[in-house]
């Protein structure tokens, strides 16, 4: 399994990455939407953990573009600034799940495993 973490909160993204690597899950991190789109143009992760509020291209726009170009990628929205409307929009665009920060890392990992199994 290959996971891409996309979050402008660098310390949080790196902690999640470390926790996944401890479970032998191949994980990469990028810190903005533009880098996420560049990454998936070269490599296709199985699961993407995606923040919504980032500088430049926001997470919803990344989700929209990913689902057009790489629909097999399972996307988990992981945000601290989401609303019920954001959740409905994200799921309508094809997000696997929508989690609010802060969330227990084990809960996030269970969503990642479930998303991977639905691929």
N, C-alpha and C. Protein backbone atom coordinates (compact mmCIF):
# COMPACT_ATOMS: atom_id res chain seq x y z
N UNK A 1 0.85 -1.18 0.00
CA UNK A 1 0.00 0.00 0.00
C UNK A 1 0.89 1.24 0.00
N UNK A 2 0.50 2.22 -0.79
CA UNK A 2 1.20 3.50 -0.86
C UNK A 2 0.23 4.59 -0.42
N UNK A 3 0.65 5.41 0.57
CA UNK A 3 -0.19 6.48 1.10
C UNK A 3 0.53 7.82 0.90
N UNK A 4 -0.23 8.82 0.48
CA UNK A 4 0.29 10.18 0.37
C UNK A 4 -0.45 11.06 1.37
N UNK A 5 0.31 11.73 2.25
CA UNK A 5 -0.24 12.68 3.20
C UNK A 5 -0.07 14.07 2.59
N UNK A 6 -1.16 14.84 2.52
CA UNK A 6 -1.11 16.20 1.97
C UNK A 6 -1.66 17.14 3.03
N UNK A 7 -0.75 17.90 3.66
CA UNK A 7 -1.17 18.79 4.75
C UNK A 7 -0.11 19.87 4.93
N UNK A 8 -0.56 21.11 5.07
CA UNK A 8 0.39 22.21 5.27
C UNK A 8 0.87 22.31 6.72
N UNK A 9 0.28 21.55 7.63
CA UNK A 9 0.78 21.46 9.01
C UNK A 9 1.89 20.42 9.01
N UNK A 10 3.11 20.88 8.77
CA UNK A 10 4.23 19.97 8.53
C UNK A 10 4.47 19.01 9.69
N UNK A 11 4.42 19.49 10.91
CA UNK A 11 4.70 18.59 12.04
C UNK A 11 3.65 17.49 12.14
N UNK A 12 2.38 17.83 11.95
CA UNK A 12 1.32 16.83 11.99
C UNK A 12 1.49 15.82 10.86
N UNK A 13 1.75 16.31 9.66
CA UNK A 13 1.91 15.42 8.51
C UNK A 13 3.07 14.45 8.72
N UNK A 14 4.15 14.94 9.29
CA UNK A 14 5.31 14.08 9.50
C UNK A 14 5.06 13.07 10.62
N UNK A 15 4.31 13.45 11.65
CA UNK A 15 3.95 12.50 12.71
C UNK A 15 3.09 11.37 12.14
N UNK A 16 2.10 11.72 11.33
CA UNK A 16 1.24 10.71 10.71
C UNK A 16 2.10 9.79 9.83
N UNK A 17 2.98 10.39 9.06
CA UNK A 17 3.86 9.61 8.19
C UNK A 17 4.69 8.63 9.01
N UNK A 18 5.27 9.08 10.10
CA UNK A 18 6.08 8.20 10.95
C UNK A 18 5.25 7.06 11.52
N UNK A 19 4.05 7.38 11.97
CA UNK A 19 3.18 6.34 12.55
C UNK A 19 2.81 5.28 11.51
N UNK A 20 2.58 5.72 10.27
CA UNK A 20 2.27 4.76 9.20
C UNK A 20 3.49 3.91 8.86
N UNK A 21 4.65 4.53 8.81
CA UNK A 21 5.86 3.79 8.49
C UNK A 21 6.18 2.75 9.58
N UNK A 22 5.83 3.07 10.84
CA UNK A 22 6.02 2.08 11.90
C UNK A 22 5.18 0.83 11.66
N UNK A 23 4.11 0.98 10.89
CA UNK A 23 3.25 -0.15 10.53
C UNK A 23 3.63 -0.72 9.16
N UNK A 24 4.82 -0.34 8.69
CA UNK A 24 5.35 -0.82 7.39
C UNK A 24 4.48 -0.40 6.22
N UNK A 25 3.86 0.77 6.32
CA UNK A 25 3.06 1.32 5.23
C UNK A 25 3.92 2.36 4.50
N UNK A 26 4.10 2.16 3.22
CA UNK A 26 4.89 3.07 2.39
C UNK A 26 4.16 4.41 2.32
N UNK A 27 4.80 5.47 2.83
CA UNK A 27 4.13 6.76 2.97
C UNK A 27 5.04 7.89 2.51
N UNK A 28 4.46 8.84 1.79
CA UNK A 28 5.14 10.07 1.41
C UNK A 28 4.32 11.25 1.91
N UNK A 29 4.96 12.41 2.00
CA UNK A 29 4.30 13.62 2.48
C UNK A 29 4.60 14.77 1.52
N UNK A 30 3.57 15.55 1.21
CA UNK A 30 3.74 16.84 0.55
C UNK A 30 2.94 17.86 1.35
N UNK A 31 3.28 19.13 1.18
CA UNK A 31 2.73 20.14 2.07
C UNK A 31 1.79 21.14 1.42
N UNK A 32 1.39 20.90 0.16
CA UNK A 32 0.43 21.79 -0.49
C UNK A 32 -0.24 21.06 -1.66
N UNK A 33 -1.33 21.67 -2.13
CA UNK A 33 -2.11 21.05 -3.19
C UNK A 33 -1.38 20.92 -4.50
N UNK A 34 -0.60 21.92 -4.86
CA UNK A 34 0.17 21.88 -6.10
C UNK A 34 1.14 20.71 -6.10
N UNK A 35 1.83 20.51 -4.99
CA UNK A 35 2.77 19.38 -4.88
C UNK A 35 2.04 18.05 -4.94
N UNK A 36 0.83 17.99 -4.39
CA UNK A 36 0.04 16.76 -4.45
C UNK A 36 -0.29 16.41 -5.90
N UNK A 37 -0.71 17.41 -6.67
CA UNK A 37 -1.05 17.16 -8.07
C UNK A 37 0.19 16.76 -8.87
N UNK A 38 1.33 17.38 -8.59
CA UNK A 38 2.56 17.00 -9.27
C UNK A 38 2.95 15.56 -8.91
N UNK A 39 2.80 15.21 -7.64
CA UNK A 39 3.13 13.86 -7.17
C UNK A 39 2.31 12.82 -7.93
N UNK A 40 1.00 13.01 -7.97
CA UNK A 40 0.14 11.99 -8.60
C UNK A 40 0.27 11.98 -10.12
N UNK A 41 0.88 13.01 -10.70
CA UNK A 41 1.13 12.95 -12.14
C UNK A 41 2.27 11.98 -12.46
N UNK A 42 3.08 11.65 -11.42
CA UNK A 42 4.21 10.74 -11.61
C UNK A 42 3.99 9.39 -10.94
N UNK A 43 3.41 9.41 -9.75
CA UNK A 43 3.16 8.20 -8.97
C UNK A 43 1.70 8.19 -8.55
N UNK A 44 1.13 7.01 -8.42
CA UNK A 44 -0.27 6.93 -8.00
C UNK A 44 -0.36 6.22 -6.65
N UNK A 45 -0.57 7.01 -5.59
CA UNK A 45 -0.76 6.36 -4.30
C UNK A 45 -2.09 5.62 -4.29
N UNK A 46 -2.21 4.66 -3.39
CA UNK A 46 -3.48 3.96 -3.23
C UNK A 46 -4.46 4.81 -2.45
N UNK A 47 -3.93 5.52 -1.43
CA UNK A 47 -4.76 6.33 -0.54
C UNK A 47 -4.09 7.69 -0.35
N UNK A 48 -4.90 8.74 -0.37
CA UNK A 48 -4.42 10.09 -0.09
C UNK A 48 -5.17 10.62 1.12
N UNK A 49 -4.41 11.12 2.10
CA UNK A 49 -4.99 11.80 3.26
C UNK A 49 -4.81 13.28 2.99
N UNK A 50 -5.91 14.01 2.84
CA UNK A 50 -5.90 15.35 2.26
C UNK A 50 -6.55 16.38 3.16
N UNK A 51 -5.78 17.42 3.50
CA UNK A 51 -6.31 18.57 4.24
C UNK A 51 -7.12 19.44 3.27
N UNK A 52 -8.08 20.18 3.79
CA UNK A 52 -8.86 21.07 2.93
C UNK A 52 -8.23 22.46 2.81
N UNK A 53 -7.88 23.06 3.93
CA UNK A 53 -7.40 24.45 3.93
C UNK A 53 -5.89 24.48 3.84
N UNK A 54 -5.41 24.78 2.63
CA UNK A 54 -3.98 24.89 2.37
C UNK A 54 -3.75 26.10 1.49
N UNK A 55 -2.55 26.66 1.53
CA UNK A 55 -2.26 27.78 0.63
C UNK A 55 -2.26 27.31 -0.83
N UNK A 56 -2.57 28.21 -1.72
CA UNK A 56 -2.61 27.85 -3.14
C UNK A 56 -3.85 27.05 -3.45
N UNK A 57 -3.66 25.89 -4.04
CA UNK A 57 -4.79 25.03 -4.41
C UNK A 57 -5.31 24.34 -3.15
N UNK A 58 -6.59 24.55 -2.84
CA UNK A 58 -7.15 23.95 -1.62
C UNK A 58 -7.48 22.47 -1.85
N UNK A 59 -7.74 21.78 -0.75
CA UNK A 59 -7.99 20.35 -0.80
C UNK A 59 -9.19 19.94 -1.64
N UNK A 60 -10.23 20.73 -1.62
CA UNK A 60 -11.43 20.38 -2.40
C UNK A 60 -11.10 20.40 -3.90
N UNK A 61 -10.30 21.38 -4.32
CA UNK A 61 -9.90 21.45 -5.73
C UNK A 61 -8.97 20.29 -6.09
N UNK A 62 -8.08 19.93 -5.17
CA UNK A 62 -7.21 18.76 -5.40
C UNK A 62 -8.08 17.51 -5.55
N UNK A 63 -9.03 17.32 -4.66
CA UNK A 63 -9.94 16.17 -4.74
C UNK A 63 -10.65 16.14 -6.09
N UNK A 64 -11.18 17.28 -6.49
CA UNK A 64 -11.91 17.37 -7.76
C UNK A 64 -11.01 16.92 -8.92
N UNK A 65 -9.78 17.42 -8.95
CA UNK A 65 -8.87 17.09 -10.06
C UNK A 65 -8.41 15.63 -9.98
N UNK A 66 -8.13 15.15 -8.79
CA UNK A 66 -7.67 13.76 -8.62
C UNK A 66 -8.73 12.79 -9.11
N UNK A 67 -9.97 13.03 -8.77
CA UNK A 67 -11.03 12.09 -9.14
C UNK A 67 -11.29 12.08 -10.64
N UNK A 68 -10.88 13.14 -11.35
CA UNK A 68 -11.00 13.15 -12.81
C UNK A 68 -9.82 12.40 -13.44
N UNK A 69 -8.60 12.68 -12.94
CA UNK A 69 -7.42 12.11 -13.58
C UNK A 69 -7.00 10.76 -13.00
N UNK A 70 -7.26 10.52 -11.73
CA UNK A 70 -6.84 9.29 -11.06
C UNK A 70 -7.96 8.76 -10.16
N UNK A 71 -9.07 8.34 -10.72
CA UNK A 71 -10.23 7.99 -9.89
C UNK A 71 -10.01 6.80 -8.95
N UNK A 72 -8.98 5.99 -9.18
CA UNK A 72 -8.73 4.83 -8.31
C UNK A 72 -8.15 5.24 -6.96
N UNK A 73 -7.59 6.45 -6.87
CA UNK A 73 -7.01 6.88 -5.60
C UNK A 73 -8.14 7.12 -4.61
N UNK A 74 -8.05 6.47 -3.46
CA UNK A 74 -9.03 6.67 -2.39
C UNK A 74 -8.58 7.89 -1.58
N UNK A 75 -9.47 8.86 -1.41
CA UNK A 75 -9.12 10.11 -0.72
C UNK A 75 -9.87 10.21 0.60
N UNK A 76 -9.10 10.46 1.65
CA UNK A 76 -9.66 10.72 2.97
C UNK A 76 -9.42 12.18 3.28
N UNK A 77 -10.49 12.93 3.47
CA UNK A 77 -10.35 14.32 3.88
C UNK A 77 -10.08 14.33 5.38
N UNK A 78 -9.01 15.05 5.77
CA UNK A 78 -8.59 15.14 7.17
C UNK A 78 -8.33 16.62 7.45
N UNK A 79 -9.31 17.28 8.07
CA UNK A 79 -9.26 18.72 8.18
C UNK A 79 -9.69 19.22 9.55
N UNK A 80 -9.20 20.38 9.89
CA UNK A 80 -9.61 21.02 11.14
C UNK A 80 -10.63 22.11 10.91
N UNK A 81 -10.95 22.40 9.65
CA UNK A 81 -11.82 23.53 9.33
C UNK A 81 -12.93 23.13 8.37
N UNK A 82 -13.54 22.00 8.59
CA UNK A 82 -14.58 21.54 7.69
C UNK A 82 -15.97 21.78 8.27
N UNK A 83 -16.94 21.66 7.41
CA UNK A 83 -18.34 21.83 7.82
C UNK A 83 -19.14 20.66 7.24
N UNK A 84 -20.42 20.59 7.64
CA UNK A 84 -21.29 19.56 7.07
C UNK A 84 -21.38 19.73 5.55
N UNK A 85 -21.41 20.98 5.11
CA UNK A 85 -21.46 21.25 3.67
C UNK A 85 -20.20 20.76 2.96
N UNK A 86 -19.04 20.96 3.61
CA UNK A 86 -17.79 20.47 3.03
C UNK A 86 -17.80 18.95 2.93
N UNK A 87 -18.32 18.30 3.99
CA UNK A 87 -18.38 16.84 3.98
C UNK A 87 -19.27 16.34 2.84
N UNK A 88 -20.42 16.96 2.66
CA UNK A 88 -21.32 16.56 1.58
C UNK A 88 -20.68 16.77 0.22
N UNK A 89 -20.01 17.92 0.06
CA UNK A 89 -19.34 18.21 -1.22
C UNK A 89 -18.23 17.19 -1.48
N UNK A 90 -17.41 16.93 -0.46
CA UNK A 90 -16.29 16.00 -0.63
C UNK A 90 -16.78 14.60 -0.99
N UNK A 91 -17.79 14.14 -0.28
CA UNK A 91 -18.32 12.81 -0.58
C UNK A 91 -18.97 12.77 -1.96
N UNK A 92 -19.61 13.88 -2.35
CA UNK A 92 -20.19 13.97 -3.69
C UNK A 92 -19.13 13.92 -4.78
N UNK A 93 -17.94 14.40 -4.45
CA UNK A 93 -16.82 14.37 -5.41
C UNK A 93 -16.08 13.03 -5.39
N UNK A 94 -16.44 12.16 -4.45
CA UNK A 94 -15.84 10.83 -4.43
C UNK A 94 -14.89 10.56 -3.28
N UNK A 95 -14.84 11.43 -2.26
CA UNK A 95 -13.99 11.15 -1.10
C UNK A 95 -14.48 9.90 -0.39
N UNK A 96 -13.55 9.10 0.07
CA UNK A 96 -13.91 7.89 0.80
C UNK A 96 -14.50 8.23 2.17
N UNK A 97 -13.84 9.15 2.88
CA UNK A 97 -14.33 9.54 4.20
C UNK A 97 -13.88 10.95 4.54
N UNK A 98 -14.44 11.47 5.61
CA UNK A 98 -14.23 12.85 6.03
C UNK A 98 -14.01 12.84 7.53
N UNK A 99 -12.78 13.16 7.96
CA UNK A 99 -12.44 13.16 9.38
C UNK A 99 -12.05 14.57 9.82
N UNK A 100 -12.47 14.91 11.02
CA UNK A 100 -12.11 16.21 11.58
C UNK A 100 -10.90 16.05 12.49
N UNK A 101 -9.99 17.01 12.42
CA UNK A 101 -8.85 17.08 13.34
C UNK A 101 -9.35 17.73 14.63
N UNK A 102 -8.81 17.42 15.76
CA UNK A 102 -7.85 16.34 15.93
C UNK A 102 -8.58 15.01 15.98
N UNK A 103 -7.98 14.02 15.40
CA UNK A 103 -8.54 12.67 15.45
C UNK A 103 -7.44 11.73 15.92
N UNK A 104 -7.82 10.71 16.59
CA UNK A 104 -6.87 9.70 17.03
C UNK A 104 -6.20 9.10 15.80
N UNK A 105 -4.88 8.98 15.84
CA UNK A 105 -4.15 8.44 14.69
C UNK A 105 -4.61 7.03 14.36
N UNK A 106 -4.98 6.26 15.36
CA UNK A 106 -5.46 4.90 15.10
C UNK A 106 -6.78 4.91 14.33
N UNK A 107 -7.62 5.90 14.58
CA UNK A 107 -8.87 6.04 13.81
C UNK A 107 -8.54 6.37 12.35
N UNK A 108 -7.61 7.30 12.17
CA UNK A 108 -7.18 7.64 10.81
C UNK A 108 -6.62 6.41 10.10
N UNK A 109 -5.79 5.65 10.79
CA UNK A 109 -5.20 4.46 10.18
C UNK A 109 -6.27 3.43 9.82
N UNK A 110 -7.30 3.29 10.64
CA UNK A 110 -8.38 2.34 10.30
C UNK A 110 -9.12 2.81 9.05
N UNK A 111 -9.29 4.13 8.89
CA UNK A 111 -9.92 4.66 7.67
C UNK A 111 -9.02 4.41 6.45
N UNK A 112 -7.71 4.57 6.63
CA UNK A 112 -6.78 4.30 5.54
C UNK A 112 -6.87 2.84 5.12
N UNK A 113 -6.87 1.93 6.08
CA UNK A 113 -6.94 0.50 5.76
C UNK A 113 -8.26 0.15 5.06
N UNK A 114 -9.35 0.75 5.53
CA UNK A 114 -10.65 0.51 4.90
C UNK A 114 -10.67 1.06 3.47
N UNK A 115 -10.13 2.26 3.29
CA UNK A 115 -10.09 2.87 1.96
C UNK A 115 -9.26 2.01 1.01
N UNK A 116 -8.15 1.50 1.50
CA UNK A 116 -7.29 0.65 0.68
C UNK A 116 -8.03 -0.62 0.26
N UNK A 117 -8.78 -1.20 1.17
CA UNK A 117 -9.50 -2.43 0.85
C UNK A 117 -10.66 -2.18 -0.12
N UNK A 118 -11.12 -0.93 -0.25
CA UNK A 118 -12.20 -0.60 -1.18
C UNK A 118 -11.67 -0.19 -2.55
N UNK A 119 -10.37 -0.18 -2.72
CA UNK A 119 -9.76 0.27 -3.96
C UNK A 119 -10.07 -0.64 -5.12
